[in-house]
Protein backbone atom coordinates (compact mmCIF):
# COMPACT_ATOMS: atom_id res chain seq x y z
CA MET A 1 11.83 13.33 11.05
CA THR A 2 10.26 12.59 14.40
CA ASP A 3 8.74 9.23 15.27
CA SER A 4 5.26 10.74 15.50
CA ILE A 5 5.40 12.24 12.01
CA LEU A 6 6.80 9.00 10.61
CA ARG A 7 4.02 6.95 12.23
CA HIS A 8 1.38 9.29 10.83
CA LEU A 9 2.97 9.14 7.38
CA ILE A 10 3.08 5.34 7.41
CA ALA A 11 -0.49 5.09 8.70
CA SER A 12 -1.71 7.50 6.01
CA ALA A 13 0.13 5.65 3.26
CA ALA A 14 -1.20 2.29 4.44
CA THR A 15 -4.75 3.66 4.56
CA LEU A 16 -4.43 5.08 1.05
CA VAL A 17 -2.97 1.84 -0.29
CA THR A 18 -5.75 -0.18 1.35
CA PHE A 19 -8.41 2.08 -0.14
CA LEU A 20 -6.87 1.91 -3.62
CA ALA A 21 -6.53 -1.87 -3.40
CA TYR A 22 -10.18 -2.17 -2.38
CA ILE A 23 -11.41 0.06 -5.22
CA SER A 24 -9.25 -1.63 -7.84
CA GLY A 25 -10.27 -5.07 -6.58
CA TYR A 26 -13.93 -4.10 -6.72
CA PHE A 27 -13.77 -2.98 -10.33
CA SER A 28 -11.48 -5.83 -11.37
CA GLY A 29 -13.84 -8.36 -9.81
CA LYS A 30 -16.80 -6.93 -11.70
CA VAL A 31 -15.11 -7.62 -15.05
CA GLY A 32 -13.45 -10.90 -14.02
CA TRP A 33 -9.84 -9.69 -14.03
CA TRP A 34 -8.59 -11.99 -11.25
CA TRP A 35 -4.98 -11.53 -12.32
CA THR A 36 -4.98 -7.92 -11.10
CA ALA A 37 -4.62 -9.33 -7.58
CA LEU A 38 -0.97 -9.91 -8.51
CA GLY A 39 -0.56 -6.16 -8.07
CA LEU A 40 -0.75 -6.77 -4.33
CA ILE A 41 2.76 -8.19 -4.53
CA ILE A 42 3.98 -4.89 -5.97
CA ILE A 43 2.14 -2.96 -3.27
CA TYR A 44 3.65 -5.15 -0.56
CA VAL A 45 7.19 -4.70 -1.85
CA ALA A 46 6.72 -0.94 -2.23
CA MET A 47 5.36 -0.56 1.31
CA PHE A 48 8.14 -2.76 2.72
CA LYS A 49 10.79 -0.60 1.07
CA PHE A 50 9.01 2.57 2.22
CA VAL A 51 8.91 1.45 5.84
CA ASP A 52 12.48 0.14 5.69
CA ALA A 53 13.73 3.44 4.25
CA GLY A 54 12.17 5.31 7.19
CA GLY A 55 14.30 3.36 9.66
CA HIS A 56 17.66 4.57 8.34
CA HIS A 57 19.06 7.83 9.71
């Protein structure tokens, strides 16, 4: 996989994750579910592993 494709893939994934986090935070905030913010930890770990996996050849 070339560096350009990998950068586009990471940028797309980060954009999608940001959008989903925003939407879920919006709806969670409306009903008072503050604890759903803990899901950000899971998103962080998943993205870290995704980016780390792209660095190995």
